[in-house]
PDB file of N, CA and C in Angstrom:
ATOM      1  N   MET A   1     -28.856  49.118 -72.906  1.00  0.00           N
ATOM      2  CA  MET A   1     -29.234  50.379 -72.322  1.00  0.00           C
ATOM      3  C   MET A   1     -30.596  50.788 -72.877  1.00  0.00           C
ATOM      4  N   GLU A   2     -31.489  51.105 -71.991  1.00  0.00           N
ATOM      5  CA  GLU A   2     -32.808  51.561 -72.423  1.00  0.00           C
ATOM      6  C   GLU A   2     -32.766  53.046 -72.734  1.00  0.00           C
ATOM      7  N   ASN A   3     -33.766  53.505 -73.467  1.00  0.00           N
ATOM      8  CA  ASN A   3     -33.780  54.916 -73.822  1.00  0.00           C
ATOM      9  C   ASN A   3     -35.198  55.468 -73.806  1.00  0.00           C
ATOM     10  N   ARG A   4     -35.274  56.777 -73.874  1.00  0.00           N
ATOM     11  CA  ARG A   4     -36.557  57.485 -73.843  1.00  0.00           C
ATOM     12  C   ARG A   4     -36.778  58.247 -75.152  1.00  0.00           C
ATOM     13  N   ILE A   5     -36.175  57.765 -76.227  1.00  0.00           N
ATOM     14  CA  ILE A   5     -36.260  58.464 -77.507  1.00  0.00           C
ATOM     15  C   ILE A   5     -37.711  58.589 -77.963  1.00  0.00           C
ATOM     16  N   LYS A   6     -38.449  57.496 -77.943  1.00  0.00           N
ATOM     17  CA  LYS A   6     -39.828  57.534 -78.413  1.00  0.00           C
ATOM     18  C   LYS A   6     -40.647  58.532 -77.595  1.00  0.00           C
ATOM     19  N   GLU A   7     -40.463  58.516 -76.290  1.00  0.00           N
ATOM     20  CA  GLU A   7     -41.190  59.435 -75.403  1.00  0.00           C
ATOM     21  C   GLU A   7     -40.950  60.890 -75.806  1.00  0.00           C
ATOM     22  N   TYR A   8     -39.687  61.273 -75.965  1.00  0.00           N
ATOM     23  CA  TYR A   8     -39.369  62.652 -76.327  1.00  0.00           C
ATOM     24  C   TYR A   8     -39.725  62.953 -77.779  1.00  0.00           C
ATOM     25  N   ARG A   9     -39.527  61.992 -78.669  1.00  0.00           N
ATOM     26  CA  ARG A   9     -39.864  62.185 -80.080  1.00  0.00           C
ATOM     27  C   ARG A   9     -41.349  62.484 -80.233  1.00  0.00           C
ATOM     28  N   GLU A  10     -42.185  61.719 -79.544  1.00  0.00           N
ATOM     29  CA  GLU A  10     -43.626  61.939 -79.626  1.00  0.00           C
ATOM     30  C   GLU A  10     -44.035  63.232 -78.918  1.00  0.00           C
ATOM     31  N   LYS A  11     -43.346  63.583 -77.848  1.00  0.00           N
ATOM     32  CA  LYS A  11     -43.632  64.830 -77.129  1.00  0.00           C
ATOM     33  C   LYS A  11     -43.484  66.028 -78.063  1.00  0.00           C
ATOM     34  N   TYR A  12     -42.491  65.978 -78.935  1.00  0.00           N
ATOM     35  CA  TYR A  12     -42.233  67.083 -79.862  1.00  0.00           C
ATOM     36  C   TYR A  12     -42.824  66.829 -81.251  1.00  0.00           C
ATOM     37  N   SER A  13     -43.674  65.811 -81.358  1.00  0.00           N
ATOM     38  CA  SER A  13     -44.383  65.491 -82.602  1.00  0.00           C
ATOM     39  C   SER A  13     -43.455  65.214 -83.783  1.00  0.00           C
ATOM     40  N   PHE A  14     -42.341  64.540 -83.509  1.00  0.00           N
ATOM     41  CA  PHE A  14     -41.441  64.116 -84.575  1.00  0.00           C
ATOM     42  C   PHE A  14     -41.798  62.690 -84.959  1.00  0.00           C
ATOM     43  N   SER A  15     -41.847  62.434 -86.253  1.00  0.00           N
ATOM     44  CA  SER A  15     -41.957  61.046 -86.707  1.00  0.00           C
ATOM     45  C   SER A  15     -40.560  60.430 -86.638  1.00  0.00           C
ATOM     46  N   GLN A  16     -40.499  59.112 -86.723  1.00  0.00           N
ATOM     47  CA  GLN A  16     -39.191  58.465 -86.775  1.00  0.00           C
ATOM     48  C   GLN A  16     -38.423  58.959 -87.993  1.00  0.00           C
ATOM     49  N   GLY A  17     -39.138  59.127 -89.095  1.00  0.00           N
ATOM     50  CA  GLY A  17     -38.502  59.598 -90.325  1.00  0.00           C
ATOM     51  C   GLY A  17     -37.912  60.985 -90.187  1.00  0.00           C
ATOM     52  N   LYS A  18     -38.638  61.885 -89.535  1.00  0.00           N
ATOM     53  CA  LYS A  18     -38.150  63.258 -89.347  1.00  0.00           C
ATOM     54  C   LYS A  18     -36.912  63.273 -88.454  1.00  0.00           C
ATOM     55  N   LEU A  19     -36.946  62.540 -87.352  1.00  0.00           N
ATOM     56  CA  LEU A  19     -35.784  62.484 -86.472  1.00  0.00           C
ATOM     57  C   LEU A  19     -34.596  61.853 -87.202  1.00  0.00           C
ATOM     58  N   ALA A  20     -34.855  60.817 -87.960  1.00  0.00           N
ATOM     59  CA  ALA A  20     -33.789  60.167 -88.732  1.00  0.00           C
ATOM     60  C   ALA A  20     -33.162  61.149 -89.717  1.00  0.00           C
ATOM     61  N   GLU A  21     -33.996  61.917 -90.396  1.00  0.00           N
ATOM     62  CA  GLU A  21     -33.507  62.910 -91.350  1.00  0.00           C
ATOM     63  C   GLU A  21     -32.618  63.947 -90.653  1.00  0.00           C
ATOM     64  N   LEU A  22     -33.059  64.430 -89.505  1.00  0.00           N
ATOM     65  CA  LEU A  22     -32.287  65.418 -88.756  1.00  0.00           C
ATOM     66  C   LEU A  22     -30.943  64.867 -88.295  1.00  0.00           C
ATOM     67  N   CYS A  23     -30.897  63.557 -88.043  1.00  0.00           N
ATOM     68  CA  CYS A  23     -29.676  62.909 -87.542  1.00  0.00           C
ATOM     69  C   CYS A  23     -28.863  62.242 -88.641  1.00  0.00           C
ATOM     70  N   ASN A  24     -29.334  62.341 -89.885  1.00  0.00           N
ATOM     71  CA  ASN A  24     -28.637  61.744 -91.035  1.00  0.00           C
ATOM     72  C   ASN A  24     -28.478  60.232 -90.918  1.00  0.00           C
ATOM     73  N   VAL A  25     -29.543  59.568 -90.473  1.00  0.00           N
ATOM     74  CA  VAL A  25     -29.575  58.104 -90.423  1.00  0.00           C
ATOM     75  C   VAL A  25     -30.906  57.648 -91.013  1.00  0.00           C
ATOM     76  N   SER A  26     -31.092  56.347 -91.145  1.00  0.00           N
ATOM     77  CA  SER A  26     -32.347  55.829 -91.682  1.00  0.00           C
ATOM     78  C   SER A  26     -33.420  55.761 -90.593  1.00  0.00           C
ATOM     79  N   ARG A  27     -34.657  55.726 -91.033  1.00  0.00           N
ATOM     80  CA  ARG A  27     -35.777  55.557 -90.104  1.00  0.00           C
ATOM     81  C   ARG A  27     -35.634  54.230 -89.368  1.00  0.00           C
ATOM     82  N   GLN A  28     -35.130  53.210 -90.074  1.00  0.00           N
ATOM     83  CA  GLN A  28     -34.947  51.898 -89.467  1.00  0.00           C
ATOM     84  C   GLN A  28     -33.948  51.950 -88.313  1.00  0.00           C
ATOM     85  N   THR A  29     -32.947  52.808 -88.426  1.00  0.00           N
ATOM     86  CA  THR A  29     -31.967  52.965 -87.345  1.00  0.00           C
ATOM     87  C   THR A  29     -32.643  53.533 -86.112  1.00  0.00           C
ATOM     88  N   ILE A  30     -33.440  54.574 -86.284  1.00  0.00           N
ATOM     89  CA  ILE A  30     -34.158  55.168 -85.145  1.00  0.00           C
ATOM     90  C   ILE A  30     -35.091  54.131 -84.529  1.00  0.00           C
ATOM     91  N   ASN A  31     -35.780  53.370 -85.365  1.00  0.00           N
ATOM     92  CA  ASN A  31     -36.684  52.338 -84.872  1.00  0.00           C
ATOM     93  C   ASN A  31     -35.928  51.295 -84.051  1.00  0.00           C
ATOM     94  N   ALA A  32     -34.792  50.849 -84.547  1.00  0.00           N
ATOM     95  CA  ALA A  32     -33.998  49.836 -83.836  1.00  0.00           C
ATOM     96  C   ALA A  32     -33.491  50.370 -82.495  1.00  0.00           C
ATOM     97  N   ILE A  33     -33.084  51.630 -82.459  1.00  0.00           N
ATOM     98  CA  ILE A  33     -32.618  52.222 -81.203  1.00  0.00           C
ATOM     99  C   ILE A  33     -33.767  52.336 -80.220  1.00  0.00           C
ATOM    100  N   GLU A  34     -34.916  52.824 -80.688  1.00  0.00           N
ATOM    101  CA  GLU A  34     -36.089  52.957 -79.813  1.00  0.00           C
ATOM    102  C   GLU A  34     -36.504  51.623 -79.210  1.00  0.00           C
ATOM    103  N   ASN A  35     -36.355  50.559 -79.973  1.00  0.00           N
ATOM    104  CA  ASN A  35     -36.766  49.231 -79.520  1.00  0.00           C
ATOM    105  C   ASN A  35     -35.646  48.447 -78.853  1.00  0.00           C
ATOM    106  N   ASN A  36     -34.579  49.160 -78.489  1.00  0.00           N
ATOM    107  CA  ASN A  36     -33.448  48.568 -77.773  1.00  0.00           C
ATOM    108  C   ASN A  36     -32.822  47.385 -78.499  1.00  0.00           C
ATOM    109  N   LYS A  37     -32.841  47.437 -79.841  1.00  0.00           N
ATOM    110  CA  LYS A  37     -32.211  46.394 -80.633  1.00  0.00           C
ATOM    111  C   LYS A  37     -30.837  46.820 -81.117  1.00  0.00           C
ATOM    112  N   TYR A  38     -30.513  48.096 -80.894  1.00  0.00           N
ATOM    113  CA  TYR A  38     -29.262  48.655 -81.387  1.00  0.00           C
ATOM    114  C   TYR A  38     -28.849  49.791 -80.464  1.00  0.00           C
ATOM    115  N   ASP A  39     -27.598  49.793 -80.033  1.00  0.00           N
ATOM    116  CA  ASP A  39     -27.057  50.901 -79.243  1.00  0.00           C
ATOM    117  C   ASP A  39     -26.363  51.858 -80.196  1.00  0.00           C
ATOM    118  N   PRO A  40     -26.747  53.127 -80.175  1.00  0.00           N
ATOM    119  CA  PRO A  40     -26.139  54.081 -81.104  1.00  0.00           C
ATOM    120  C   PRO A  40     -24.702  54.405 -80.723  1.00  0.00           C
ATOM    121  N   SER A  41     -23.966  54.890 -81.697  1.00  0.00           N
ATOM    122  CA  SER A  41     -22.625  55.395 -81.415  1.00  0.00           C
ATOM    123  C   SER A  41     -22.771  56.614 -80.509  1.00  0.00           C
ATOM    124  N   LEU A  42     -21.697  57.001 -79.892  1.00  0.00           N
ATOM    125  CA  LEU A  42     -21.725  58.173 -79.022  1.00  0.00           C
ATOM    126  C   LEU A  42     -22.123  59.416 -79.815  1.00  0.00           C
ATOM    127  N   GLN A  43     -21.580  59.563 -81.026  1.00  0.00           N
ATOM    128  CA  GLN A  43     -21.926  60.716 -81.858  1.00  0.00           C
ATOM    129  C   GLN A  43     -23.407  60.735 -82.188  1.00  0.00           C
ATOM    130  N   LEU A  44     -23.972  59.587 -82.555  1.00  0.00           N
ATOM    131  CA  LEU A  44     -25.390  59.529 -82.879  1.00  0.00           C
ATOM    132  C   LEU A  44     -26.246  59.805 -81.645  1.00  0.00           C
ATOM    133  N   ALA A  45     -25.834  59.308 -80.501  1.00  0.00           N
ATOM    134  CA  ALA A  45     -26.571  59.587 -79.259  1.00  0.00           C
ATOM    135  C   ALA A  45     -26.630  61.088 -79.003  1.00  0.00           C
ATOM    136  N   PHE A  46     -25.494  61.773 -79.182  1.00  0.00           N
ATOM    137  CA  PHE A  46     -25.474  63.230 -79.001  1.00  0.00           C
ATOM    138  C   PHE A  46     -26.327  63.929 -80.053  1.00  0.00           C
ATOM    139  N   ASP A  47     -26.301  63.451 -81.293  1.00  0.00           N
ATOM    140  CA  ASP A  47     -27.125  64.046 -82.356  1.00  0.00           C
ATOM    141  C   ASP A  47     -28.616  63.910 -82.045  1.00  0.00           C
ATOM    142  N   ILE A  48     -29.018  62.730 -81.596  1.00  0.00           N
ATOM    143  CA  ILE A  48     -30.429  62.505 -81.247  1.00  0.00           C
ATOM    144  C   ILE A  48     -30.830  63.430 -80.111  1.00  0.00           C
ATOM    145  N   ALA A  49     -30.025  63.467 -79.068  1.00  0.00           N
ATOM    146  CA  ALA A  49     -30.336  64.318 -77.915  1.00  0.00           C
ATOM    147  C   ALA A  49     -30.418  65.780 -78.335  1.00  0.00           C
ATOM    148  N   ARG A  50     -29.458  66.257 -79.118  1.00  0.00           N
ATOM    149  CA  ARG A  50     -29.443  67.651 -79.557  1.00  0.00           C
ATOM    150  C   ARG A  50     -30.698  67.981 -80.353  1.00  0.00           C
ATOM    151  N   ASN A  51     -31.094  67.088 -81.261  1.00  0.00           N
ATOM    152  CA  ASN A  51     -32.269  67.338 -82.086  1.00  0.00           C
ATOM    153  C   ASN A  51     -33.571  67.268 -81.295  1.00  0.00           C
ATOM    154  N   LEU A  52     -33.544  66.586 -80.165  1.00  0.00           N
ATOM    155  CA  LEU A  52     -34.723  66.533 -79.293  1.00  0.00           C
ATOM    156  C   LEU A  52     -34.669  67.603 -78.203  1.00  0.00           C
ATOM    157  N   GLY A  53     -33.574  68.347 -78.158  1.00  0.00           N
ATOM    158  CA  GLY A  53     -33.447  69.444 -77.209  1.00  0.00           C
ATOM    159  C   GLY A  53     -33.242  69.009 -75.768  1.00  0.00           C
ATOM    160  N   ILE A  54     -32.616  67.846 -75.591  1.00  0.00           N
ATOM    161  CA  ILE A  54     -32.366  67.332 -74.240  1.00  0.00           C
ATOM    162  C   ILE A  54     -30.919  66.860 -74.139  1.00  0.00           C
ATOM    163  N   THR A  55     -30.520  66.459 -72.947  1.00  0.00           N
ATOM    164  CA  THR A  55     -29.168  65.940 -72.760  1.00  0.00           C
ATOM    165  C   THR A  55     -29.150  64.432 -72.967  1.00  0.00           C
ATOM    166  N   VAL A  56     -27.977  63.910 -73.257  1.00  0.00           N
ATOM    167  CA  VAL A  56     -27.815  62.466 -73.411  1.00  0.00           C
ATOM    168  C   VAL A  56     -28.190  61.763 -72.116  1.00  0.00           C
ATOM    169  N   GLU A  57     -27.863  62.377 -70.986  1.00  0.00           N
ATOM    170  CA  GLU A  57     -28.176  61.776 -69.691  1.00  0.00           C
ATOM    171  C   GLU A  57     -29.680  61.591 -69.494  1.00  0.00           C
ATOM    172  N   ASN A  58     -30.474  62.500 -70.040  1.00  0.00           N
ATOM    173  CA  ASN A  58     -31.932  62.379 -69.929  1.00  0.00           C
ATOM    174  C   ASN A  58     -32.522  61.420 -70.954  1.00  0.00           C
ATOM    175  N   LEU A  59     -31.766  61.151 -72.000  1.00  0.00           N
ATOM    176  CA  LEU A  59     -32.272  60.322 -73.086  1.00  0.00           C
ATOM    177  C   LEU A  59     -32.075  58.828 -72.839  1.00  0.00           C
ATOM    178  N   PHE A  60     -30.968  58.481 -72.179  1.00  0.00           N
ATOM    179  CA  PHE A  60     -30.634  57.071 -71.980  1.00  0.00           C
ATOM    180  C   PHE A  60     -30.680  56.696 -70.513  1.00  0.00           C
ATOM    181  N   ILE A  61     -31.134  55.479 -70.237  1.00  0.00           N
ATOM    182  CA  ILE A  61     -31.271  54.977 -68.875  1.00  0.00           C
ATOM    183  C   ILE A  61     -30.339  53.779 -68.718  1.00  0.00           C
ATOM    184  N   PRO A  62     -29.244  53.944 -67.969  1.00  0.00           N
ATOM    185  CA  PRO A  62     -28.365  52.793 -67.746  1.00  0.00           C
ATOM    186  C   PRO A  62     -29.141  51.651 -67.086  1.00  0.00           C
ATOM    187  N   LEU A  63     -28.800  50.432 -67.428  1.00  0.00           N
ATOM    188  CA  LEU A  63     -29.524  49.265 -66.915  1.00  0.00           C
ATOM    189  C   LEU A  63     -29.564  49.234 -65.398  1.00  0.00           C
ATOM    190  N   GLU A  64     -28.494  49.664 -64.746  1.00  0.00           N
ATOM    191  CA  GLU A  64     -28.472  49.616 -63.281  1.00  0.00           C
ATOM    192  C   GLU A  64     -29.405  50.642 -62.644  1.00  0.00           C
ATOM    193  N   ASN A  65     -29.902  51.607 -63.426  1.00  0.00           N
ATOM    194  CA  ASN A  65     -30.801  52.634 -62.881  1.00  0.00           C
ATOM    195  C   ASN A  65     -32.269  52.410 -63.217  1.00  0.00           C
ATOM    196  N   ARG A  66     -32.577  51.337 -63.922  1.00  0.00           N
ATOM    197  CA  ARG A  66     -33.979  51.068 -64.257  1.00  0.00           C
ATOM    198  C   ARG A  66     -34.803  50.943 -62.995  1.00  0.00           C
ATOM    199  N   GLY A  67     -35.963  51.575 -62.979  1.00  0.00           N
ATOM    200  CA  GLY A  67     -36.861  51.490 -61.844  1.00  0.00           C
ATOM    201  C   GLY A  67     -36.570  52.478 -60.746  1.00  0.00           C
ATOM    202  N   LYS A  68     -35.418  53.126 -60.765  1.00  0.00           N
ATOM    203  CA  LYS A  68     -35.056  54.086 -59.725  1.00  0.00           C
ATOM    204  C   LYS A  68     -35.556  55.492 -60.028  1.00  0.00           C
ATOM    205  N   GLU A  69     -35.900  55.765 -61.295  1.00  0.00           N
ATOM    206  CA  GLU A  69     -36.257  57.127 -61.663  1.00  0.00           C
ATOM    207  C   GLU A  69     -37.559  57.594 -61.040  1.00  0.00           C
ATOM    208  N   ASN A  70     -38.424  56.691 -60.619  1.00  0.00           N
ATOM    209  CA  ASN A  70     -39.677  57.075 -59.983  1.00  0.00           C
ATOM    210  C   ASN A  70     -39.608  56.982 -58.465  1.00  0.00           C
ATOM    211  N   GLY A  71     -38.479  56.597 -57.955  1.00  0.00           N
ATOM    212  CA  GLY A  71     -38.429  56.320 -56.549  1.00  0.00           C
ATOM    213  C   GLY A  71     -37.530  57.174 -55.785  1.00  0.00           C
TER     214      GLY A  71
END
C-alpha cells in the first residue's frame, strides 16, 4: 500500500524525527513506512494520520486505486 506521509509531513514542516516522536516510534520506522518498505499497524496508521491532521483514508492509497486520484 502506498502512502502520502512524506507529502503531508513536509506540508506541515515536520521532520521524520518529529513525527516519529509524536507517534512514539523511531525515525527509522517513519522512514520505512514512507518508502513503502513497511506497512504500519492499524493503530500506528491512525496515530500518524491524527498527528498530521488528516484521515487514514487520505493518508494511504490502496494499490488498486493508484493512478485514479488524478482522473
